[in-house]
Each structure stands twice: as structure tokens, then as C-alpha cells.
Amino acid sequence: MSAQCSSTSPCPWDVIGPDCKFASSVYLGSGRSDDRQVSASKLDLVKVELIPLAEGSVRTADRKDTMETVRRCIGLCFVLLSSLLCLSGVAAAQDDNPLPSGMYRLEMILASVTRLPFFGTSKSASRSISLIEVRSDHTGLVQRHEVCDFHVLQNSAMIKMVFPDKFVAALAKHSYPIQVEKDGQEWRYRADLGVERIGFKPSSNQSNLPTKLDDPSVYDWDGDGHPGATLKLSVPLLPDGELYIVQQGHSILNGRITRRGRIEGSIEVRSFEHRVLGAWPGFLNRSPEIVPEPAESRFSIIGIPRDSTCETLREASRQPKEKD
């Protein structure tokens, strides 16, 4: 029995025979299936058409060959549709990831109040620019950061503090896990930077900062020929001085992702200790009391090109800042 086929009355699958011929095509939105690249916007609609052909327009050797051709075409359609669904899933997963792997610029502004003997109390703030890389491994998201620039934004009227290039270069390059979690309609970001030590290496049973330059845990951290870490100090009417210090601190970044690849937030200072072990001239050998100001401290992260380097970030920081 031969089937009668029309555009309004297609042939049932079980009666397709020599008198019932179809041509098939698959469309992705407005693009054809043979496009070499399929964008996420073209995955909104998948449409499969089976178009009846006029009788006699296709010739087959016999019913067996016809059925084999049909089965092969149907199988190909299902394979193609499965592939498209996978591609759609990948595109959706990428769109849902608010912090994709790549390179970023981290800016941290740390505010504090300093009380120094003979010089009184003053407010100050430091600004650091770091190159960070976000990647994923079997444990989750991992962030690696390298400090590229570090300087004081606000000095007191009496004292100007300078962080030498060797100090900045010696700051640790380290990696740590980060958390990115959905919180209602927002994405939250958290990075525990861990404990960073400057100017000394504690022994296994040492919990406090060293108090003397000749302490075995103190070493020439920045390679400038002096023990500990060296800071430059400028005081009016006096020669420029140097402070030889040790320091340790533990900070956590808590923020929200304002848009894909962009984060803004606050800096939680869990602990901070600082001690001057020596100075030149000697009368500067006084350890200031430094109290962080969390309400005035903040950070931001923004995506940058993958080939960015510390030099790229330093050059950009010297240019006038553009508004977003």
C-alpha cells in the first residue's frame, strides 16, 4: 500500500515508502546548521523541518534502500540535536559564571590611624595594585596574586612614608582559594588572603613578632643589605631616614559582583602587628601604634586582557582614571 503525502497530511513514520519522499533541514534561529560558528544568541530556537517532495522527484532502487536512507537521516538529526543541546548548555553555563577564569586587576585601599611618639596622631591610607589570575581546579576557584605597585595616598603633615621598589618587589606572590556564591539576586565573593609576614620567618613555636634586629628569625627580606624590611621616612627639617621593620597581618576580602568580571567590597583586617627594630637616625627607632580603619578601607577587581603584566598595570595607573 502506498501512502499519499501532502504538506498538511504527512506520511506516518511506519508507512514511508517509495511514493513518500522527504527532504530534511535543521535551523538554529536564523542560521543554518552548516554554520561554522554558532553564537549563544542562535541557540534560542531549534527547528526541524521535513519537507515533502513531489512524487517522482527522487528515484530509489527499492524499498529497502529507501528505508535505510530514512533511518540514516533520522539518526543524523538526533545526533545534531543532541550536539546543539550540549552547546546550549555550555553557553548557558558560561553566562551563569559571574567570575570566569582569566586575568584581573585588584586595587586595595587600606586606611589606618597612626600614633607615633613625638609626632602625634595622623590618618593615612595606602593603595596597592595587584595582578591576579583566577582559575579553577579540582578543589574549586583559585586566585593567584602579585603586587605590582604600593604607595601611600595620604601622609601626615609632618611625616612622609615611602615604600621602596625593593620592598614592593619582595611582597609575596601567593595563591589561595576563593568563594563565589549566589545570595538571592546577587553574587557574593570572598577571598581569605591568609597571614602575610614581612621581614622575618617565624620558628614553629614563635607566635609574637621579634623584638631585636639580631633575632634569628629576622633576615634581609628585601635584599637591600639591612635586616628586616626597609621603609623610607621623610621629616621636615631633618635628613631622610630609614626604618627597619617586621610586620604580619591577616586580611579577608568580602564583596559583591556588580557585573560579570567586576567586584567591589570591603577589607576585613583580622589581625595586624607592626614593629620597628632599628632606624637611621637612631631617634626614629620608635614603633608606632597603627590601628586599621575598616570603614575607610575597600577593594575592587576588574577583568583585564590575558596578556596583561605588572608593567601594564603600572603604566595604566599613571594615566588619568576613566569613568566606567
C-alpha atoms as a PDB file:
ATOM      1  CA  MET A   1       0.000   0.000   0.000  1.00  0.00           C
ATOM      2  CA  SER A   2       1.438   3.335  -0.969  1.00  0.00           C
ATOM      3  CA  ALA A   3       0.977   6.415   1.238  1.00  0.00           C
ATOM      4  CA  GLN A   4      -0.492   9.632  -0.026  1.00  0.00           C
ATOM      5  CA  CYS A   5       1.578  12.587   1.231  1.00  0.00           C
ATOM      6  CA  SER A   6       0.896  16.301   1.353  1.00  0.00           C
ATOM      7  CA  SER A   7       2.112  19.339   3.279  1.00  0.00           C
ATOM      8  CA  THR A   8      -0.975  19.140   5.506  1.00  0.00           C
ATOM      9  CA  SER A   9      -1.066  15.350   5.812  1.00  0.00           C
ATOM     10  CA  PRO A  10       2.469  13.990   6.139  1.00  0.00           C
ATOM     11  CA  CYS A  11       3.196  10.284   5.955  1.00  0.00           C
ATOM     12  CA  PRO A  12       3.288   8.293   9.213  1.00  0.00           C
ATOM     13  CA  TRP A  13       6.828   7.007  10.003  1.00  0.00           C
ATOM     14  CA  ASP A  14       5.722   3.361   9.564  1.00  0.00           C
ATOM     15  CA  VAL A  15       4.359   3.749   6.045  1.00  0.00           C
ATOM     16  CA  ILE A  16       7.193   5.701   4.409  1.00  0.00           C
ATOM     17  CA  GLY A  17       7.850   4.067   1.089  1.00  0.00           C
ATOM     18  CA  PRO A  18       8.977   4.769  -2.467  1.00  0.00           C
ATOM     19  CA  ASP A  19       5.969   7.056  -3.065  1.00  0.00           C
ATOM     20  CA  CYS A  20       6.653   9.206   0.009  1.00  0.00           C
ATOM     21  CA  LYS A  21       9.877  11.230  -0.185  1.00  0.00           C
ATOM     22  CA  PHE A  22      11.103  13.939   2.248  1.00  0.00           C
ATOM     23  CA  ALA A  23      13.972  16.398   2.388  1.00  0.00           C
ATOM     24  CA  SER A  24      15.061  17.498   5.887  1.00  0.00           C
ATOM     25  CA  SER A  25      16.783  20.616   7.150  1.00  0.00           C
ATOM     26  CA  VAL A  26      17.744  21.917  10.591  1.00  0.00           C
ATOM     27  CA  TYR A  27      17.771  25.569  11.554  1.00  0.00           C
ATOM     28  CA  LEU A  28      19.324  27.353  14.540  1.00  0.00           C
ATOM     29  CA  GLY A  29      17.380  30.576  14.954  1.00  0.00           C
ATOM     30  CA  SER A  30      18.100  32.402  11.736  1.00  0.00           C
ATOM     31  CA  GLY A  31      21.306  30.486  10.952  1.00  0.00           C
ATOM     32  CA  ARG A  32      21.719  27.186   9.079  1.00  0.00           C
ATOM     33  CA  SER A  33      23.161  24.063  10.706  1.00  0.00           C
ATOM     34  CA  ASP A  34      26.232  24.189   8.490  1.00  0.00           C
ATOM     35  CA  ASP A  35      27.417  27.489  10.013  1.00  0.00           C
ATOM     36  CA  ARG A  36      30.970  27.061  11.230  1.00  0.00           C
ATOM     37  CA  GLN A  37      30.334  29.033  14.434  1.00  0.00           C
ATOM     38  CA  VAL A  38      27.120  29.148  16.421  1.00  0.00           C
ATOM     39  CA  SER A  39      26.694  32.046  18.817  1.00  0.00           C
ATOM     40  CA  ALA A  40      24.696  31.809  22.045  1.00  0.00           C
ATOM     41  CA  SER A  41      22.026  34.074  20.537  1.00  0.00           C
ATOM     42  CA  LYS A  42      21.299  31.486  17.816  1.00  0.00           C
ATOM     43  CA  LEU A  43      20.503  28.764  20.337  1.00  0.00           C
ATOM     44  CA  ASP A  44      17.158  30.228  21.357  1.00  0.00           C
ATOM     45  CA  LEU A  45      15.200  28.168  18.805  1.00  0.00           C
ATOM     46  CA  VAL A  46      15.840  24.786  17.251  1.00  0.00           C
ATOM     47  CA  LYS A  47      13.521  23.955  14.371  1.00  0.00           C
ATOM     48  CA  VAL A  48      13.469  20.739  12.364  1.00  0.00           C
ATOM     49  CA  GLU A  49      11.572  20.648   9.081  1.00  0.00           C
ATOM     50  CA  LEU A  50      10.628  17.647   6.963  1.00  0.00           C
ATOM     51  CA  ILE A  51       9.630  18.923   3.523  1.00  0.00           C
ATOM     52  CA  PRO A  52       7.571  16.607   1.256  1.00  0.00           C
ATOM     53  CA  LEU A  53       8.991  16.224  -2.233  1.00  0.00           C
ATOM     54  CA  ALA A  54       6.950  15.777  -5.367  1.00  0.00           C
ATOM     55  CA  GLU A  55       6.386  12.201  -6.427  1.00  0.00           C
ATOM     56  CA  GLY A  56       8.979  11.079  -8.922  1.00  0.00           C
ATOM     57  CA  SER A  57      11.483  13.773  -7.955  1.00  0.00           C
ATOM     58  CA  VAL A  58      13.603  11.193  -6.137  1.00  0.00           C
ATOM     59  CA  ARG A  59      14.313   7.755  -7.507  1.00  0.00           C
ATOM     60  CA  THR A  60      15.330   4.808  -5.348  1.00  0.00           C
ATOM     61  CA  ALA A  61      16.386   1.341  -6.241  1.00  0.00           C
ATOM     62  CA  ASP A  62      13.905  -0.339  -3.926  1.00  0.00           C
ATOM     63  CA  ARG A  63      12.037  -0.005  -0.639  1.00  0.00           C
ATOM     64  CA  LYS A  64      14.973  -1.395   1.379  1.00  0.00           C
ATOM     65  CA  ASP A  65      17.347   1.356   0.183  1.00  0.00           C
ATOM     66  CA  THR A  66      14.727   3.996   0.877  1.00  0.00           C
ATOM     67  CA  MET A  67      14.137   2.849   4.448  1.00  0.00           C
ATOM     68  CA  GLU A  68      17.904   2.694   5.106  1.00  0.00           C
ATOM     69  CA  THR A  69      18.315   6.271   3.851  1.00  0.00           C
ATOM     70  CA  VAL A  70      15.451   7.481   6.033  1.00  0.00           C
ATOM     71  CA  ARG A  71      16.823   5.753   9.133  1.00  0.00           C
ATOM     72  CA  ARG A  72      20.256   7.270   8.491  1.00  0.00           C
ATOM     73  CA  CYS A  73      18.793  10.772   8.105  1.00  0.00           C
ATOM     74  CA  ILE A  74      16.683  10.451  11.260  1.00  0.00           C
ATOM     75  CA  GLY A  75      19.727   9.273  13.211  1.00  0.00           C
ATOM     76  CA  LEU A  76      21.759  12.207  11.920  1.00  0.00           C
ATOM     77  CA  CYS A  77      19.031  14.633  13.005  1.00  0.00           C
ATOM     78  CA  PHE A  78      19.032  13.236  16.542  1.00  0.00           C
ATOM     79  CA  VAL A  79      22.829  13.423  16.772  1.00  0.00           C
ATOM     80  CA  LEU A  80      22.765  17.026  15.582  1.00  0.00           C
ATOM     81  CA  LEU A  81      20.009  17.976  18.020  1.00  0.00           C
ATOM     82  CA  SER A  82      21.910  16.365  20.910  1.00  0.00           C
ATOM     83  CA  SER A  83      25.023  18.331  19.973  1.00  0.00           C
ATOM     84  CA  LEU A  84      23.045  21.564  19.859  1.00  0.00           C
ATOM     85  CA  LEU A  85      21.589  20.912  23.303  1.00  0.00           C
ATOM     86  CA  CYS A  86      25.110  20.370  24.652  1.00  0.00           C
ATOM     87  CA  LEU A  87      26.307  23.609  23.062  1.00  0.00           C
ATOM     88  CA  SER A  88      23.326  25.427  24.516  1.00  0.00           C
ATOM     89  CA  GLY A  89      24.171  24.055  27.971  1.00  0.00           C
ATOM     90  CA  VAL A  90      27.798  25.170  27.705  1.00  0.00           C
ATOM     91  CA  ALA A  91      26.791  28.662  26.599  1.00  0.00           C
ATOM     92  CA  ALA A  92      24.301  28.951  29.451  1.00  0.00           C
ATOM     93  CA  ALA A  93      26.891  27.742  31.990  1.00  0.00           C
ATOM     94  CA  GLN A  94      29.347  30.350  30.766  1.00  0.00           C
ATOM     95  CA  ASP A  95      26.730  33.091  31.014  1.00  0.00           C
ATOM     96  CA  ASP A  96      25.896  31.994  34.582  1.00  0.00           C
ATOM     97  CA  ASN A  97      29.541  32.240  35.693  1.00  0.00           C
ATOM     98  CA  PRO A  98      29.987  35.803  37.029  1.00  0.00           C
ATOM     99  CA  LEU A  99      33.744  35.417  37.543  1.00  0.00           C
ATOM    100  CA  PRO A 100      35.247  33.460  34.628  1.00  0.00           C
ATOM    101  CA  SER A 101      38.844  32.278  34.608  1.00  0.00           C
ATOM    102  CA  GLY A 102      41.303  34.911  33.415  1.00  0.00           C
ATOM    103  CA  MET A 103      43.378  37.917  34.446  1.00  0.00           C
ATOM    104  CA  TYR A 104      42.162  40.707  36.718  1.00  0.00           C
ATOM    105  CA  ARG A 105      43.347  43.932  38.344  1.00  0.00           C
ATOM    106  CA  LEU A 106      42.999  44.122  42.135  1.00  0.00           C
ATOM    107  CA  GLU A 107      43.097  47.526  43.819  1.00  0.00           C
ATOM    108  CA  MET A 108      43.182  47.671  47.623  1.00  0.00           C
ATOM    109  CA  ILE A 109      42.977  50.841  49.712  1.00  0.00           C
ATOM    110  CA  LEU A 110      43.839  50.349  53.383  1.00  0.00           C
ATOM    111  CA  ALA A 111      43.102  53.204  55.770  1.00  0.00           C
ATOM    112  CA  SER A 112      44.606  53.488  59.248  1.00  0.00           C
ATOM    113  CA  VAL A 113      45.288  55.787  62.170  1.00  0.00           C
ATOM    114  CA  THR A 114      48.938  56.039  63.273  1.00  0.00           C
ATOM    115  CA  ARG A 115      50.176  57.241  66.639  1.00  0.00           C
ATOM    116  CA  LEU A 116      53.919  57.917  66.651  1.00  0.00           C
ATOM    117  CA  PRO A 117      55.928  59.173  69.665  1.00  0.00           C
ATOM    118  CA  PHE A 118      56.960  62.848  69.318  1.00  0.00           C
ATOM    119  CA  PHE A 119      54.837  63.265  66.151  1.00  0.00           C
ATOM    120  CA  GLY A 120      51.309  62.648  67.439  1.00  0.00           C
ATOM    121  CA  THR A 121      48.360  61.035  65.646  1.00  0.00           C
ATOM    122  CA  SER A 122      47.671  61.071  61.938  1.00  0.00           C
ATOM    123  CA  LYS A 123      45.401  59.384  59.425  1.00  0.00           C
ATOM    124  CA  SER A 124      46.862  57.690  56.393  1.00  0.00           C
ATOM    125  CA  ALA A 125      45.893  55.328  53.576  1.00  0.00           C
ATOM    126  CA  SER A 126      47.909  53.042  51.337  1.00  0.00           C
ATOM    127  CA  ARG A 127      46.999  51.869  47.835  1.00  0.00           C
ATOM    128  CA  SER A 128      48.187  48.654  46.254  1.00  0.00           C
ATOM    129  CA  ILE A 129      47.680  47.434  42.676  1.00  0.00           C
ATOM    130  CA  SER A 130      47.989  43.700  42.062  1.00  0.00           C
ATOM    131  CA  LEU A 131      47.847  41.428  39.029  1.00  0.00           C
ATOM    132  CA  ILE A 132      45.628  38.443  39.802  1.00  0.00           C
ATOM    133  CA  GLU A 133      44.738  35.288  37.925  1.00  0.00           C
ATOM    134  CA  VAL A 134      41.537  33.359  38.586  1.00  0.00           C
ATOM    135  CA  ARG A 135      41.431  29.716  37.562  1.00  0.00           C
ATOM    136  CA  SER A 136      39.543  26.581  38.535  1.00  0.00           C
ATOM    137  CA  ASP A 137      40.902  23.204  39.598  1.00  0.00           C
ATOM    138  CA  HIS A 138      39.521  20.067  41.253  1.00  0.00           C
ATOM    139  CA  THR A 139      39.044  21.975  44.542  1.00  0.00           C
ATOM    140  CA  GLY A 140      37.163  24.954  43.078  1.00  0.00           C
ATOM    141  CA  LEU A 141      38.200  28.515  42.234  1.00  0.00           C
ATOM    142  CA  VAL A 142      41.779  29.570  42.996  1.00  0.00           C
ATOM    143  CA  GLN A 143      43.206  33.095  42.904  1.00  0.00           C
ATOM    144  CA  ARG A 144      46.887  33.959  42.496  1.00  0.00           C
ATOM    145  CA  HIS A 145      48.087  37.482  43.075  1.00  0.00           C
ATOM    146  CA  GLU A 146      51.239  39.520  42.618  1.00  0.00           C
ATOM    147  CA  VAL A 147      51.627  43.057  43.983  1.00  0.00           C
ATOM    148  CA  CYS A 148      52.748  45.434  41.226  1.00  0.00           C
ATOM    149  CA  ASP A 149      52.586  48.849  42.915  1.00  0.00           C
ATOM    150  CA  PHE A 150      52.304  50.048  46.513  1.00  0.00           C
ATOM    151  CA  HIS A 151      52.338  53.598  47.825  1.00  0.00           C
ATOM    152  CA  VAL A 152      50.867  55.914  50.439  1.00  0.00           C
ATOM    153  CA  LEU A 153      47.877  58.001  49.365  1.00  0.00           C
ATOM    154  CA  GLN A 154      47.694  60.189  52.442  1.00  0.00           C
ATOM    155  CA  ASN A 155      50.612  61.204  54.632  1.00  0.00           C
ATOM    156  CA  SER A 156      50.517  63.345  57.739  1.00  0.00           C
ATOM    157  CA  ALA A 157      51.659  66.938  57.523  1.00  0.00           C
ATOM    158  CA  MET A 158      54.779  66.005  59.489  1.00  0.00           C
ATOM    159  CA  ILE A 159      55.800  62.641  58.056  1.00  0.00           C
ATOM    160  CA  LYS A 160      56.049  61.209  54.549  1.00  0.00           C
ATOM    161  CA  MET A 161      56.399  57.432  54.257  1.00  0.00           C
ATOM    162  CA  VAL A 162      57.845  55.835  51.100  1.00  0.00           C
ATOM    163  CA  PHE A 163      57.807  52.136  50.158  1.00  0.00           C
ATOM    164  CA  PRO A 164      60.987  51.481  48.117  1.00  0.00           C
ATOM    165  CA  ASP A 165      60.839  49.441  44.904  1.00  0.00           C
ATOM    166  CA  LYS A 166      62.700  46.566  46.606  1.00  0.00           C
ATOM    167  CA  PHE A 167      60.029  46.471  49.301  1.00  0.00           C
ATOM    168  CA  VAL A 168      57.255  46.148  46.695  1.00  0.00           C
ATOM    169  CA  ALA A 169      59.208  43.517  44.726  1.00  0.00           C
ATOM    170  CA  ALA A 170      59.651  41.391  47.861  1.00  0.00           C
ATOM    171  CA  LEU A 171      55.941  41.194  48.680  1.00  0.00           C
ATOM    172  CA  ALA A 172      54.772  37.600  48.436  1.00  0.00           C
ATOM    173  CA  LYS A 173      53.242  36.047  45.341  1.00  0.00           C
ATOM    174  CA  HIS A 174      50.751  33.543  46.643  1.00  0.00           C
ATOM    175  CA  SER A 175      47.651  31.550  45.756  1.00  0.00           C
ATOM    176  CA  TYR A 176      44.543  30.913  47.828  1.00  0.00           C
ATOM    177  CA  PRO A 177      41.017  29.554  47.313  1.00  0.00           C
ATOM    178  CA  ILE A 178      38.124  31.959  46.751  1.00  0.00           C
ATOM    179  CA  GLN A 179      34.376  31.530  47.177  1.00  0.00           C
ATOM    180  CA  VAL A 180      31.751  32.800  44.739  1.00  0.00           C
ATOM    181  CA  GLU A 181      28.195  32.096  45.914  1.00  0.00           C
ATOM    182  CA  LYS A 182      24.688  33.151  44.908  1.00  0.00           C
ATOM    183  CA  ASP A 183      22.890  35.197  47.570  1.00  0.00           C
ATOM    184  CA  GLY A 184      19.349  35.911  46.435  1.00  0.00           C
ATOM    185  CA  GLN A 185      19.663  38.062  43.335  1.00  0.00           C
ATOM    186  CA  GLU A 186      23.353  38.830  43.968  1.00  0.00           C
ATOM    187  CA  TRP A 187      26.673  37.012  43.743  1.00  0.00           C
ATOM    188  CA  ARG A 188      28.978  37.198  46.751  1.00  0.00           C
ATOM    189  CA  TYR A 189      32.784  36.986  46.627  1.00  0.00           C
ATOM    190  CA  ARG A 190      35.151  36.074  49.479  1.00  0.00           C
ATOM    191  CA  ALA A 191      38.938  35.680  49.457  1.00  0.00           C
ATOM    192  CA  ASP A 192      40.974  34.847  52.548  1.00  0.00           C
ATOM    193  CA  LEU A 193      44.442  36.227  51.787  1.00  0.00           C
ATOM    194  CA  GLY A 194      45.987  34.327  54.686  1.00  0.00           C
ATOM    195  CA  VAL A 195      48.728  35.576  57.020  1.00  0.00           C
ATOM    196  CA  GLU A 196      51.461  37.598  55.326  1.00  0.00           C
ATOM    197  CA  ARG A 197      54.768  38.137  57.126  1.00  0.00           C
ATOM    198  CA  ILE A 198      57.283  40.823  56.265  1.00  0.00           C
ATOM    199  CA  GLY A 199      60.910  40.918  57.431  1.00  0.00           C
ATOM    200  CA  PHE A 200      61.040  37.670  59.368  1.00  0.00           C
ATOM    201  CA  LYS A 201      60.470  33.909  59.248  1.00  0.00           C
ATOM    202  CA  PRO A 202      58.932  32.621  62.471  1.00  0.00           C
ATOM    203  CA  SER A 203      60.043  29.364  64.026  1.00  0.00           C
ATOM    204  CA  SER A 204      57.477  26.633  64.634  1.00  0.00           C
ATOM    205  CA  ASN A 205      56.906  27.736  68.249  1.00  0.00           C
ATOM    206  CA  GLN A 206      57.088  31.521  67.642  1.00  0.00           C
ATOM    207  CA  SER A 207      53.802  33.452  67.757  1.00  0.00           C
ATOM    208  CA  ASN A 208      54.912  37.023  68.505  1.00  0.00           C
ATOM    209  CA  LEU A 209      56.881  39.498  66.419  1.00  0.00           C
ATOM    210  CA  PRO A 210      60.655  39.590  67.075  1.00  0.00           C
ATOM    211  CA  THR A 211      61.851  42.494  69.216  1.00  0.00           C
ATOM    212  CA  LYS A 212      65.527  42.775  68.180  1.00  0.00           C
ATOM    213  CA  LEU A 213      67.436  43.062  64.906  1.00  0.00           C
ATOM    214  CA  ASP A 214      69.669  40.122  65.847  1.00  0.00           C
ATOM    215  CA  ASP A 215      66.715  37.779  66.427  1.00  0.00           C
ATOM    216  CA  PRO A 216      67.389  34.561  64.421  1.00  0.00           C
ATOM    217  CA  SER A 217      64.019  34.878  62.679  1.00  0.00           C
ATOM    218  CA  VAL A 218      64.875  38.327  61.229  1.00  0.00           C
ATOM    219  CA  TYR A 219      66.549  38.382  57.804  1.00  0.00           C
ATOM    220  CA  ASP A 220      67.234  40.758  54.905  1.00  0.00           C
ATOM    221  CA  TRP A 221      63.746  40.347  53.482  1.00  0.00           C
ATOM    222  CA  ASP A 222      64.011  42.849  50.613  1.00  0.00           C
ATOM    223  CA  GLY A 223      67.686  42.285  49.754  1.00  0.00           C
ATOM    224  CA  ASP A 224      68.864  45.853  50.430  1.00  0.00           C
ATOM    225  CA  GLY A 225      71.611  44.946  52.900  1.00  0.00           C
ATOM    226  CA  HIS A 226      69.640  45.730  56.070  1.00  0.00           C
ATOM    227  CA  PRO A 227      67.844  43.268  58.355  1.00  0.00           C
ATOM    228  CA  GLY A 228      64.073  43.181  58.173  1.00  0.00           C
ATOM    229  CA  ALA A 229      62.172  45.314  55.664  1.00  0.00           C
ATOM    230  CA  THR A 230      63.229  48.904  54.939  1.00  0.00           C
ATOM    231  CA  LEU A 231      60.861  51.882  54.768  1.00  0.00           C
ATOM    232  CA  LYS A 232      61.947  55.406  53.856  1.00  0.00           C
ATOM    233  CA  LEU A 233      60.860  58.266  56.084  1.00  0.00           C
ATOM    234  CA  SER A 234      60.893  61.980  55.316  1.00  0.00           C
ATOM    235  CA  VAL A 235      60.520  64.533  58.134  1.00  0.00           C
ATOM    236  CA  PRO A 236      60.660  68.334  57.605  1.00  0.00           C
ATOM    237  CA  LEU A 237      63.973  69.985  58.581  1.00  0.00           C
ATOM    238  CA  LEU A 238      65.603  66.573  59.100  1.00  0.00           C
ATOM    239  CA  PRO A 239      67.576  64.256  56.805  1.00  0.00           C
ATOM    240  CA  ASP A 240      65.601  61.434  55.238  1.00  0.00           C
ATOM    241  CA  GLY A 241      65.559  58.410  57.487  1.00  0.00           C
ATOM    242  CA  GLU A 242      65.108  54.659  57.287  1.00  0.00           C
ATOM    243  CA  LEU A 243      63.070  52.276  59.420  1.00  0.00           C
ATOM    244  CA  TYR A 244      63.895  48.558  59.671  1.00  0.00           C
ATOM    245  CA  ILE A 245      60.665  46.797  60.455  1.00  0.00           C
ATOM    246  CA  VAL A 246      58.883  43.463  60.833  1.00  0.00           C
ATOM    247  CA  GLN A 247      55.181  43.064  60.262  1.00  0.00           C
ATOM    248  CA  GLN A 248      52.427  40.474  59.942  1.00  0.00           C
ATOM    249  CA  GLY A 249      48.779  40.753  59.021  1.00  0.00           C
ATOM    250  CA  HIS A 250      45.753  38.730  58.004  1.00  0.00           C
ATOM    251  CA  SER A 251      43.100  40.223  55.712  1.00  0.00           C
ATOM    252  CA  ILE A 252      39.921  38.936  54.051  1.00  0.00           C
ATOM    253  CA  LEU A 253      38.185  40.441  51.013  1.00  0.00           C
ATOM    254  CA  ASN A 254      34.367  40.430  51.158  1.00  0.00           C
ATOM    255  CA  GLY A 255      32.446  41.845  48.231  1.00  0.00           C
ATOM    256  CA  ARG A 256      29.701  41.516  45.671  1.00  0.00           C
ATOM    257  CA  ILE A 257      29.955  41.005  41.944  1.00  0.00           C
ATOM    258  CA  THR A 258      28.380  44.121  40.445  1.00  0.00           C
ATOM    259  CA  ARG A 259      28.583  42.760  36.901  1.00  0.00           C
ATOM    260  CA  ARG A 260      30.369  39.953  35.088  1.00  0.00           C
ATOM    261  CA  GLY A 261      34.093  40.184  35.921  1.00  0.00           C
ATOM    262  CA  ARG A 262      33.686  43.202  38.259  1.00  0.00           C
ATOM    263  CA  ILE A 263      33.778  43.094  42.096  1.00  0.00           C
ATOM    264  CA  GLU A 264      33.589  45.773  44.783  1.00  0.00           C
ATOM    265  CA  GLY A 265      33.777  45.309  48.512  1.00  0.00           C
ATOM    266  CA  SER A 266      35.359  45.858  51.913  1.00  0.00           C
ATOM    267  CA  ILE A 267      38.554  44.647  53.573  1.00  0.00           C
ATOM    268  CA  GLU A 268      38.264  42.785  56.858  1.00  0.00           C
ATOM    269  CA  VAL A 269      41.515  43.040  58.837  1.00  0.00           C
ATOM    270  CA  ARG A 270      41.628  40.026  61.140  1.00  0.00           C
ATOM    271  CA  SER A 271      44.984  40.948  62.657  1.00  0.00           C
ATOM    272  CA  PHE A 272      47.804  43.448  62.176  1.00  0.00           C
ATOM    273  CA  GLU A 273      51.128  43.803  64.005  1.00  0.00           C
ATOM    274  CA  HIS A 274      53.998  46.129  63.204  1.00  0.00           C
ATOM    275  CA  ARG A 275      57.311  46.780  64.953  1.00  0.00           C
ATOM    276  CA  VAL A 276      60.344  48.984  64.288  1.00  0.00           C
ATOM    277  CA  LEU A 277      63.515  47.068  65.162  1.00  0.00           C
ATOM    278  CA  GLY A 278      66.011  49.729  64.153  1.00  0.00           C
ATOM    279  CA  ALA A 279      66.285  53.097  62.434  1.00  0.00           C
ATOM    280  CA  TRP A 280      68.607  55.682  60.995  1.00  0.00           C
ATOM    281  CA  PRO A 281      68.926  58.270  62.522  1.00  0.00           C
ATOM    282  CA  GLY A 282      68.569  56.414  65.804  1.00  0.00           C
ATOM    283  CA  PHE A 283      65.961  58.755  67.339  1.00  0.00           C
ATOM    284  CA  LEU A 284      63.435  57.397  64.790  1.00  0.00           C
ATOM    285  CA  ASN A 285      63.653  53.971  66.417  1.00  0.00           C
ATOM    286  CA  ARG A 286      60.131  54.106  67.816  1.00  0.00           C
ATOM    287  CA  SER A 287      57.360  51.676  66.995  1.00  0.00           C
ATOM    288  CA  PRO A 288      54.157  53.467  66.018  1.00  0.00           C
ATOM    289  CA  GLU A 289      50.740  52.246  67.053  1.00  0.00           C
ATOM    290  CA  ILE A 290      48.842  51.510  63.849  1.00  0.00           C
ATOM    291  CA  VAL A 291      45.082  50.924  64.013  1.00  0.00           C
ATOM    292  CA  PRO A 292      43.287  49.847  60.773  1.00  0.00           C
ATOM    293  CA  GLU A 293      40.092  51.688  59.795  1.00  0.00           C
ATOM    294  CA  PRO A 294      37.811  49.109  58.142  1.00  0.00           C
ATOM    295  CA  ALA A 295      35.090  51.649  57.353  1.00  0.00           C
ATOM    296  CA  GLU A 296      37.518  53.569  55.125  1.00  0.00           C
ATOM    297  CA  SER A 297      39.157  50.507  53.550  1.00  0.00           C
ATOM    298  CA  ARG A 298      37.928  48.986  50.283  1.00  0.00           C
ATOM    299  CA  PHE A 299      38.887  46.955  47.223  1.00  0.00           C
ATOM    300  CA  SER A 300      37.837  46.495  43.618  1.00  0.00           C
ATOM    301  CA  ILE A 301      38.531  43.826  40.987  1.00  0.00           C
ATOM    302  CA  ILE A 302      38.073  44.257  37.237  1.00  0.00           C
ATOM    303  CA  GLY A 303      38.822  41.975  34.302  1.00  0.00           C
ATOM    304  CA  ILE A 304      41.800  42.810  32.056  1.00  0.00           C
ATOM    305  CA  PRO A 305      43.335  41.252  28.897  1.00  0.00           C
ATOM    306  CA  ARG A 306      45.040  37.873  29.349  1.00  0.00           C
ATOM    307  CA  ASP A 307      48.428  39.205  28.223  1.00  0.00           C
ATOM    308  CA  SER A 308      48.490  41.892  30.948  1.00  0.00           C
ATOM    309  CA  THR A 309      51.592  42.218  33.129  1.00  0.00           C
ATOM    310  CA  CYS A 310      52.619  44.238  36.181  1.00  0.00           C
ATOM    311  CA  GLU A 311      54.237  46.771  33.879  1.00  0.00           C
ATOM    312  CA  THR A 312      50.918  47.113  32.021  1.00  0.00           C
ATOM    313  CA  LEU A 313      49.129  47.891  35.301  1.00  0.00           C
ATOM    314  CA  ARG A 314      51.793  50.347  36.443  1.00  0.00           C
ATOM    315  CA  GLU A 315      51.593  52.234  33.156  1.00  0.00           C
ATOM    316  CA  ALA A 316      47.788  52.328  33.348  1.00  0.00           C
ATOM    317  CA  SER A 317      47.858  53.662  36.923  1.00  0.00           C
ATOM    318  CA  ARG A 318      49.910  56.637  35.758  1.00  0.00           C
ATOM    319  CA  GLN A 319      47.222  57.604  33.251  1.00  0.00           C
ATOM    320  CA  PRO A 320      44.148  59.713  34.174  1.00  0.00           C
ATOM    321  CA  LYS A 321      41.429  57.467  35.516  1.00  0.00           C
ATOM    322  CA  GLU A 322      38.428  56.998  33.198  1.00  0.00           C
ATOM    323  CA  LYS A 323      34.871  56.783  34.435  1.00  0.00           C
ATOM    324  CA  ASP A 324      33.025  53.500  33.870  1.00  0.00           C
END
